[in-house]
Amino acid sequence: MKKLLPEILVPLFLCNLVWGQFKADVSRPNVPEALIQSPSSGVQLFSPQWFSMNHSFSLSMVSTGFGLMGLGAYTNEMNFQLRPNLELTTFFTLTQSSLSAGIPQRGLSLDQMGVGARLEYHPTQNTHFSILLQKAPTVWGSYPQNVTPGWR
């Protein structure tokens, strides 16, 4: 009986698999048109024509009297075009330095994160309003590090 059971079940199982391959009237899933086409009205914040994202990574090495110091920074910047004359830009920057691991007693921790946002408004071609809020990483405790070189 134990030998007969696999001899019957295996061919039946294989016949079901083979029969499924020859079905001609397979129903296709219906995707609603609203999921395929973007709506003509409403705000589309992440639409490619209104949203862009930039990434940058930089490494620097400096030789001083104390030895070598390396500094790495990663920046992510996102631009949202809210209206044709109104743009919102956000960014964050992660920095890490080899100096902070080498001299912990001086409190020179350069492993920091900088964040910021800028709102730009162009009411006319010759008029420009810009509001920038930024918390940038600092070097040596008091001098701000320029983490956004392209910003005005």
N, C-alpha and C. Protein backbone atom coordinates (compact mmCIF):
# COMPACT_ATOMS: atom_id res chain seq x y z
N MET A 1 0.82 -1.19 0.00
CA MET A 1 0.00 0.00 0.00
C MET A 1 0.86 1.26 0.00
N LYS A 2 2.01 1.24 0.76
CA LYS A 2 2.87 2.41 0.80
C LYS A 2 3.54 2.65 -0.55
N LYS A 3 3.85 1.61 -1.31
CA LYS A 3 4.45 1.78 -2.64
C LYS A 3 3.41 2.25 -3.64
N LEU A 4 2.20 1.82 -3.47
CA LEU A 4 1.14 2.17 -4.40
C LEU A 4 0.75 3.65 -4.28
N LEU A 5 0.79 4.18 -3.08
CA LEU A 5 0.40 5.57 -2.86
C LEU A 5 1.31 6.55 -3.62
N PRO A 6 2.65 6.47 -3.53
CA PRO A 6 3.48 7.39 -4.33
C PRO A 6 3.35 7.15 -5.83
N GLU A 7 3.12 5.90 -6.23
CA GLU A 7 3.00 5.61 -7.66
C GLU A 7 1.74 6.22 -8.25
N ILE A 8 0.74 6.46 -7.43
CA ILE A 8 -0.50 7.07 -7.92
C ILE A 8 -0.46 8.59 -7.76
N LEU A 9 0.03 9.07 -6.61
CA LEU A 9 0.01 10.50 -6.33
C LEU A 9 0.97 11.29 -7.21
N VAL A 10 2.15 10.76 -7.47
CA VAL A 10 3.14 11.49 -8.28
C VAL A 10 2.64 11.69 -9.70
N PRO A 11 2.13 10.67 -10.40
CA PRO A 11 1.60 10.93 -11.75
C PRO A 11 0.39 11.88 -11.76
N LEU A 12 -0.48 11.78 -10.74
CA LEU A 12 -1.62 12.70 -10.70
C LEU A 12 -1.16 14.15 -10.50
N PHE A 13 -0.17 14.32 -9.63
CA PHE A 13 0.36 15.66 -9.40
C PHE A 13 1.02 16.20 -10.67
N LEU A 14 1.79 15.38 -11.36
CA LEU A 14 2.44 15.82 -12.60
C LEU A 14 1.43 16.11 -13.70
N CYS A 15 0.35 15.33 -13.76
CA CYS A 15 -0.69 15.59 -14.76
C CYS A 15 -1.35 16.95 -14.52
N ASN A 16 -1.56 17.30 -13.25
CA ASN A 16 -2.14 18.62 -12.94
C ASN A 16 -1.20 19.74 -13.38
N LEU A 17 0.10 19.58 -13.16
CA LEU A 17 1.06 20.61 -13.58
C LEU A 17 1.08 20.75 -15.09
N VAL A 18 1.07 19.63 -15.80
CA VAL A 18 1.10 19.67 -17.26
C VAL A 18 -0.20 20.26 -17.80
N TRP A 19 -1.34 19.89 -17.23
CA TRP A 19 -2.62 20.40 -17.70
C TRP A 19 -2.70 21.92 -17.52
N GLY A 20 -2.11 22.45 -16.46
CA GLY A 20 -2.11 23.89 -16.24
C GLY A 20 -1.31 24.64 -17.29
N GLN A 21 -0.35 24.01 -17.91
CA GLN A 21 0.47 24.67 -18.93
C GLN A 21 -0.29 24.87 -20.23
N PHE A 22 -1.32 24.09 -20.48
CA PHE A 22 -2.04 24.15 -21.75
C PHE A 22 -3.35 24.93 -21.67
N LYS A 23 -3.59 25.62 -20.59
CA LYS A 23 -4.82 26.42 -20.49
C LYS A 23 -4.70 27.63 -21.40
N ALA A 24 -5.69 27.86 -22.23
CA ALA A 24 -5.66 28.97 -23.18
C ALA A 24 -6.42 30.19 -22.66
N ASP A 25 -7.42 29.97 -21.85
CA ASP A 25 -8.25 31.08 -21.41
C ASP A 25 -7.87 31.55 -20.00
N VAL A 26 -6.63 31.92 -19.86
CA VAL A 26 -6.16 32.41 -18.56
C VAL A 26 -6.63 33.85 -18.40
N SER A 27 -7.27 34.12 -17.29
CA SER A 27 -7.74 35.49 -17.06
C SER A 27 -6.58 36.36 -16.60
N ARG A 28 -6.53 37.55 -17.15
CA ARG A 28 -5.48 38.51 -16.79
C ARG A 28 -6.03 39.40 -15.67
N PRO A 29 -5.16 39.82 -14.75
CA PRO A 29 -5.65 40.72 -13.70
C PRO A 29 -6.00 42.09 -14.27
N ASN A 30 -7.09 42.62 -13.83
CA ASN A 30 -7.54 43.93 -14.28
C ASN A 30 -6.98 45.00 -13.37
N VAL A 31 -6.19 45.90 -13.93
CA VAL A 31 -5.63 47.01 -13.18
C VAL A 31 -6.51 48.23 -13.43
N PRO A 32 -6.99 48.86 -12.38
CA PRO A 32 -7.83 50.06 -12.60
C PRO A 32 -7.05 51.14 -13.34
N GLU A 33 -7.75 51.87 -14.18
CA GLU A 33 -7.12 52.93 -14.96
C GLU A 33 -6.56 54.03 -14.07
N ALA A 34 -7.14 54.22 -12.90
CA ALA A 34 -6.65 55.27 -12.00
C ALA A 34 -5.24 54.99 -11.52
N LEU A 35 -4.87 53.71 -11.45
CA LEU A 35 -3.51 53.38 -11.02
C LEU A 35 -2.50 53.55 -12.14
N ILE A 36 -2.94 53.42 -13.37
CA ILE A 36 -2.02 53.53 -14.51
C ILE A 36 -1.80 54.98 -14.90
N GLN A 37 -2.87 55.75 -15.00
CA GLN A 37 -2.78 57.14 -15.43
C GLN A 37 -2.77 58.04 -14.21
N SER A 38 -1.94 59.06 -14.26
CA SER A 38 -1.90 60.01 -13.15
C SER A 38 -3.10 60.94 -13.26
N PRO A 39 -3.67 61.32 -12.14
CA PRO A 39 -4.82 62.22 -12.20
C PRO A 39 -4.41 63.60 -12.70
N SER A 40 -5.32 64.23 -13.41
CA SER A 40 -5.00 65.53 -14.00
C SER A 40 -5.08 66.65 -12.97
N SER A 41 -5.79 66.44 -11.89
CA SER A 41 -5.88 67.48 -10.87
C SER A 41 -5.29 66.94 -9.58
N GLY A 42 -4.95 67.84 -8.67
CA GLY A 42 -4.37 67.43 -7.40
C GLY A 42 -2.88 67.68 -7.38
N VAL A 43 -2.31 67.66 -6.19
CA VAL A 43 -0.88 67.91 -6.02
C VAL A 43 -0.13 66.60 -6.08
N GLN A 44 0.86 66.54 -6.93
CA GLN A 44 1.71 65.36 -7.05
C GLN A 44 3.10 65.76 -6.58
N LEU A 45 3.38 65.52 -5.31
CA LEU A 45 4.62 66.00 -4.72
C LEU A 45 5.83 65.26 -5.28
N PHE A 46 5.71 63.98 -5.54
CA PHE A 46 6.86 63.20 -5.99
C PHE A 46 6.84 62.91 -7.49
N SER A 47 6.14 63.71 -8.24
CA SER A 47 6.15 63.59 -9.69
C SER A 47 7.53 63.98 -10.20
N PRO A 48 8.07 63.27 -11.19
CA PRO A 48 9.41 63.61 -11.69
C PRO A 48 9.54 65.02 -12.23
N GLN A 49 8.46 65.61 -12.69
CA GLN A 49 8.57 66.97 -13.21
C GLN A 49 8.60 68.00 -12.09
N TRP A 50 8.18 67.64 -10.87
CA TRP A 50 8.15 68.59 -9.75
C TRP A 50 9.15 68.25 -8.65
N PHE A 51 9.76 67.08 -8.70
CA PHE A 51 10.62 66.61 -7.61
C PHE A 51 11.96 66.14 -8.17
N SER A 52 13.04 66.49 -7.50
CA SER A 52 14.35 65.96 -7.86
C SER A 52 15.16 65.73 -6.59
N MET A 53 16.06 64.77 -6.65
CA MET A 53 16.90 64.42 -5.51
C MET A 53 18.34 64.29 -5.97
N ASN A 54 19.26 64.88 -5.22
CA ASN A 54 20.68 64.82 -5.54
C ASN A 54 21.43 64.26 -4.34
N HIS A 55 22.42 63.42 -4.63
CA HIS A 55 23.29 62.86 -3.60
C HIS A 55 24.72 63.27 -3.92
N SER A 56 25.50 63.54 -2.90
CA SER A 56 26.92 63.80 -3.12
C SER A 56 27.71 63.21 -1.96
N PHE A 57 28.92 62.81 -2.27
CA PHE A 57 29.81 62.22 -1.28
C PHE A 57 31.20 62.80 -1.51
N SER A 58 31.84 63.26 -0.46
CA SER A 58 33.18 63.82 -0.62
C SER A 58 34.09 63.31 0.48
N LEU A 59 35.34 63.13 0.12
CA LEU A 59 36.39 62.74 1.06
C LEU A 59 37.53 63.73 0.95
N SER A 60 38.07 64.14 2.09
CA SER A 60 39.20 65.07 2.12
C SER A 60 40.26 64.51 3.06
N MET A 61 41.50 64.76 2.73
CA MET A 61 42.62 64.34 3.57
C MET A 61 43.54 65.53 3.74
N VAL A 62 43.90 65.84 5.00
CA VAL A 62 44.76 66.97 5.31
C VAL A 62 45.94 66.47 6.13
N SER A 63 47.13 66.92 5.77
CA SER A 63 48.33 66.57 6.53
C SER A 63 48.72 67.78 7.37
N THR A 64 48.78 67.59 8.69
CA THR A 64 49.15 68.67 9.61
C THR A 64 50.32 68.22 10.47
N GLY A 65 50.74 69.07 11.39
CA GLY A 65 51.81 68.72 12.31
C GLY A 65 51.40 67.61 13.27
N PHE A 66 50.09 67.43 13.47
CA PHE A 66 49.60 66.37 14.35
C PHE A 66 49.46 65.04 13.63
N GLY A 67 49.53 65.04 12.33
CA GLY A 67 49.36 63.83 11.53
C GLY A 67 48.30 64.06 10.46
N LEU A 68 47.78 62.97 9.95
CA LEU A 68 46.77 63.04 8.90
C LEU A 68 45.38 63.16 9.50
N MET A 69 44.55 63.91 8.83
CA MET A 69 43.16 64.03 9.23
C MET A 69 42.30 63.79 7.99
N GLY A 70 41.36 62.88 8.10
CA GLY A 70 40.43 62.62 7.01
C GLY A 70 39.05 63.12 7.37
N LEU A 71 38.34 63.63 6.39
CA LEU A 71 36.99 64.12 6.60
C LEU A 71 36.12 63.60 5.46
N GLY A 72 35.04 62.95 5.81
CA GLY A 72 34.08 62.46 4.83
C GLY A 72 32.73 63.10 5.04
N ALA A 73 32.03 63.38 3.96
CA ALA A 73 30.71 64.02 4.06
C ALA A 73 29.78 63.42 3.01
N TYR A 74 28.56 63.15 3.41
CA TYR A 74 27.50 62.70 2.50
C TYR A 74 26.37 63.73 2.59
N THR A 75 25.91 64.18 1.45
CA THR A 75 24.83 65.17 1.40
C THR A 75 23.70 64.66 0.52
N ASN A 76 22.48 64.79 1.01
CA ASN A 76 21.28 64.47 0.24
C ASN A 76 20.47 65.74 0.14
N GLU A 77 20.10 66.11 -1.07
CA GLU A 77 19.33 67.34 -1.31
C GLU A 77 18.09 66.99 -2.11
N MET A 78 16.93 67.44 -1.64
CA MET A 78 15.66 67.20 -2.33
C MET A 78 15.04 68.54 -2.70
N ASN A 79 14.61 68.66 -3.94
CA ASN A 79 14.00 69.89 -4.45
C ASN A 79 12.54 69.60 -4.81
N PHE A 80 11.64 70.42 -4.28
CA PHE A 80 10.22 70.32 -4.57
C PHE A 80 9.79 71.61 -5.26
N GLN A 81 9.27 71.51 -6.46
CA GLN A 81 8.74 72.67 -7.19
C GLN A 81 7.26 72.75 -6.83
N LEU A 82 6.92 73.59 -5.85
CA LEU A 82 5.55 73.68 -5.37
C LEU A 82 4.64 74.40 -6.36
N ARG A 83 5.15 75.45 -6.97
CA ARG A 83 4.49 76.22 -8.02
C ARG A 83 5.57 76.62 -9.01
N PRO A 84 5.22 77.13 -10.18
CA PRO A 84 6.27 77.55 -11.12
C PRO A 84 7.21 78.61 -10.56
N ASN A 85 6.75 79.40 -9.58
CA ASN A 85 7.62 80.44 -9.02
C ASN A 85 7.95 80.20 -7.54
N LEU A 86 7.69 78.99 -7.02
CA LEU A 86 7.92 78.68 -5.61
C LEU A 86 8.61 77.32 -5.50
N GLU A 87 9.77 77.30 -4.86
CA GLU A 87 10.56 76.06 -4.76
C GLU A 87 11.00 75.85 -3.31
N LEU A 88 10.87 74.61 -2.84
CA LEU A 88 11.33 74.22 -1.51
C LEU A 88 12.47 73.23 -1.66
N THR A 89 13.58 73.50 -0.99
CA THR A 89 14.75 72.63 -1.04
C THR A 89 15.10 72.22 0.38
N THR A 90 15.27 70.93 0.60
CA THR A 90 15.70 70.42 1.90
C THR A 90 16.98 69.63 1.70
N PHE A 91 17.80 69.57 2.74
CA PHE A 91 19.03 68.78 2.65
C PHE A 91 19.44 68.31 4.02
N PHE A 92 20.21 67.25 4.04
CA PHE A 92 20.91 66.85 5.27
C PHE A 92 22.29 66.35 4.89
N THR A 93 23.23 66.58 5.78
CA THR A 93 24.63 66.22 5.56
C THR A 93 25.13 65.45 6.76
N LEU A 94 25.79 64.35 6.51
CA LEU A 94 26.45 63.57 7.55
C LEU A 94 27.95 63.73 7.37
N THR A 95 28.66 64.10 8.43
CA THR A 95 30.11 64.24 8.35
C THR A 95 30.76 63.34 9.39
N GLN A 96 31.93 62.85 9.04
CA GLN A 96 32.73 62.06 9.97
C GLN A 96 34.19 62.39 9.74
N SER A 97 34.93 62.51 10.83
CA SER A 97 36.33 62.85 10.75
C SER A 97 37.15 61.84 11.53
N SER A 98 38.36 61.60 11.05
CA SER A 98 39.28 60.73 11.80
C SER A 98 39.88 61.47 12.98
N LEU A 99 39.78 62.79 13.01
CA LEU A 99 40.33 63.58 14.11
C LEU A 99 39.55 63.36 15.39
N SER A 100 38.24 63.16 15.30
CA SER A 100 37.44 63.00 16.51
C SER A 100 37.79 61.72 17.24
N ALA A 101 38.23 60.69 16.53
CA ALA A 101 38.63 59.45 17.19
C ALA A 101 40.02 59.56 17.78
N GLY A 102 40.86 60.42 17.23
CA GLY A 102 42.25 60.51 17.67
C GLY A 102 42.45 61.39 18.88
N ILE A 103 41.62 62.42 19.08
CA ILE A 103 41.82 63.36 20.18
C ILE A 103 40.49 63.53 20.94
N PRO A 104 40.07 62.53 21.72
CA PRO A 104 38.79 62.67 22.40
C PRO A 104 38.82 63.65 23.56
N GLN A 105 39.98 63.90 24.15
CA GLN A 105 40.03 64.77 25.33
C GLN A 105 39.81 66.23 24.99
N ARG A 106 39.98 66.65 23.74
CA ARG A 106 39.82 68.06 23.38
C ARG A 106 38.38 68.39 22.99
N GLY A 107 37.53 67.38 22.89
CA GLY A 107 36.13 67.64 22.55
C GLY A 107 35.92 68.07 21.12
N LEU A 108 36.72 67.58 20.20
CA LEU A 108 36.62 67.99 18.80
C LEU A 108 35.82 66.97 18.01
N SER A 109 34.62 66.69 18.42
CA SER A 109 33.81 65.71 17.73
C SER A 109 33.28 66.30 16.43
N LEU A 110 33.72 65.74 15.33
CA LEU A 110 33.27 66.21 14.01
C LEU A 110 32.26 65.27 13.38
N ASP A 111 31.85 64.23 14.12
CA ASP A 111 30.84 63.32 13.62
C ASP A 111 29.48 63.96 13.86
N GLN A 112 29.01 64.70 12.89
CA GLN A 112 27.81 65.50 13.07
C GLN A 112 26.87 65.36 11.88
N MET A 113 25.69 65.92 12.07
CA MET A 113 24.70 65.95 11.01
C MET A 113 24.24 67.39 10.83
N GLY A 114 24.21 67.84 9.61
CA GLY A 114 23.69 69.16 9.30
C GLY A 114 22.38 69.02 8.55
N VAL A 115 21.42 69.86 8.86
CA VAL A 115 20.13 69.85 8.19
C VAL A 115 19.78 71.27 7.77
N GLY A 116 18.91 71.37 6.81
CA GLY A 116 18.51 72.70 6.37
C GLY A 116 17.35 72.65 5.40
N ALA A 117 16.76 73.80 5.21
CA ALA A 117 15.67 73.96 4.24
C ALA A 117 15.72 75.38 3.70
N ARG A 118 15.36 75.50 2.43
CA ARG A 118 15.34 76.81 1.78
C ARG A 118 14.05 76.93 0.99
N LEU A 119 13.40 78.06 1.12
CA LEU A 119 12.19 78.37 0.37
C LEU A 119 12.49 79.56 -0.51
N GLU A 120 12.32 79.39 -1.82
CA GLU A 120 12.60 80.46 -2.78
C GLU A 120 11.31 80.85 -3.50
N TYR A 121 11.12 82.15 -3.62
CA TYR A 121 9.93 82.68 -4.27
C TYR A 121 10.36 83.74 -5.27
N HIS A 122 9.87 83.62 -6.51
CA HIS A 122 10.16 84.56 -7.60
C HIS A 122 8.84 85.18 -8.07
N PRO A 123 8.40 86.28 -7.44
CA PRO A 123 7.13 86.87 -7.88
C PRO A 123 7.23 87.47 -9.28
N THR A 124 8.38 88.02 -9.63
CA THR A 124 8.61 88.54 -10.98
C THR A 124 9.97 88.05 -11.45
N GLN A 125 10.31 88.39 -12.68
CA GLN A 125 11.58 87.94 -13.23
C GLN A 125 12.78 88.56 -12.50
N ASN A 126 12.65 89.78 -12.03
CA ASN A 126 13.76 90.48 -11.38
C ASN A 126 13.66 90.51 -9.86
N THR A 127 12.69 89.82 -9.27
CA THR A 127 12.51 89.81 -7.82
C THR A 127 12.72 88.40 -7.30
N HIS A 128 13.46 88.31 -6.20
CA HIS A 128 13.80 87.00 -5.65
C HIS A 128 13.76 87.08 -4.13
N PHE A 129 12.94 86.24 -3.48
CA PHE A 129 12.89 86.13 -2.03
C PHE A 129 13.36 84.73 -1.66
N SER A 130 14.21 84.65 -0.65
CA SER A 130 14.73 83.36 -0.22
C SER A 130 14.82 83.33 1.30
N ILE A 131 14.34 82.23 1.89
CA ILE A 131 14.45 82.00 3.33
C ILE A 131 15.23 80.71 3.51
N LEU A 132 16.32 80.78 4.28
CA LEU A 132 17.18 79.63 4.52
C LEU A 132 17.29 79.38 6.01
N LEU A 133 16.95 78.17 6.43
CA LEU A 133 17.15 77.72 7.80
C LEU A 133 18.17 76.59 7.73
N GLN A 134 19.25 76.71 8.49
CA GLN A 134 20.34 75.75 8.34
C GLN A 134 21.02 75.52 9.69
N LYS A 135 21.28 74.27 9.99
CA LYS A 135 22.12 73.89 11.12
C LYS A 135 23.28 73.11 10.51
N ALA A 136 24.41 73.78 10.33
CA ALA A 136 25.55 73.17 9.66
C ALA A 136 26.52 72.61 10.69
N PRO A 137 27.23 71.53 10.35
CA PRO A 137 28.28 71.03 11.24
C PRO A 137 29.37 72.07 11.41
N THR A 138 30.01 72.08 12.56
CA THR A 138 31.06 73.06 12.84
C THR A 138 32.42 72.38 12.92
N VAL A 139 33.46 73.12 12.59
CA VAL A 139 34.83 72.65 12.68
C VAL A 139 35.52 73.47 13.76
N TRP A 140 36.22 72.83 14.65
CA TRP A 140 36.94 73.48 15.75
C TRP A 140 36.01 74.23 16.68
N GLY A 141 34.74 73.86 16.69
CA GLY A 141 33.83 74.40 17.67
C GLY A 141 33.17 75.73 17.35
N SER A 142 33.70 76.55 16.44
CA SER A 142 33.08 77.85 16.22
C SER A 142 32.94 78.24 14.76
N TYR A 143 33.74 77.72 13.88
CA TYR A 143 33.69 78.14 12.48
C TYR A 143 32.77 77.22 11.70
N PRO A 144 31.75 77.76 11.02
CA PRO A 144 30.85 76.88 10.27
C PRO A 144 31.54 76.29 9.05
N GLN A 145 31.24 75.04 8.82
CA GLN A 145 31.79 74.35 7.66
C GLN A 145 30.83 74.53 6.50
N ASN A 146 31.34 74.85 5.34
CA ASN A 146 30.50 75.06 4.17
C ASN A 146 30.14 73.70 3.60
N VAL A 147 28.95 73.19 3.96
CA VAL A 147 28.52 71.89 3.48
C VAL A 147 27.64 72.00 2.25
N THR A 148 27.27 73.20 1.88
CA THR A 148 26.42 73.40 0.71
C THR A 148 27.08 74.42 -0.20
N PRO A 149 28.08 74.01 -0.98
CA PRO A 149 28.83 74.98 -1.77
C PRO A 149 28.02 75.69 -2.84
N GLY A 150 26.95 75.10 -3.34
CA GLY A 150 26.21 75.73 -4.41
C GLY A 150 25.12 76.66 -3.94
N TRP A 151 24.96 76.82 -2.65
CA TRP A 151 23.88 77.64 -2.13
C TRP A 151 24.25 79.10 -2.14
N ARG A 152 23.26 79.96 -2.37
CA ARG A 152 23.47 81.41 -2.39
C ARG A 152 23.34 81.99 -1.01
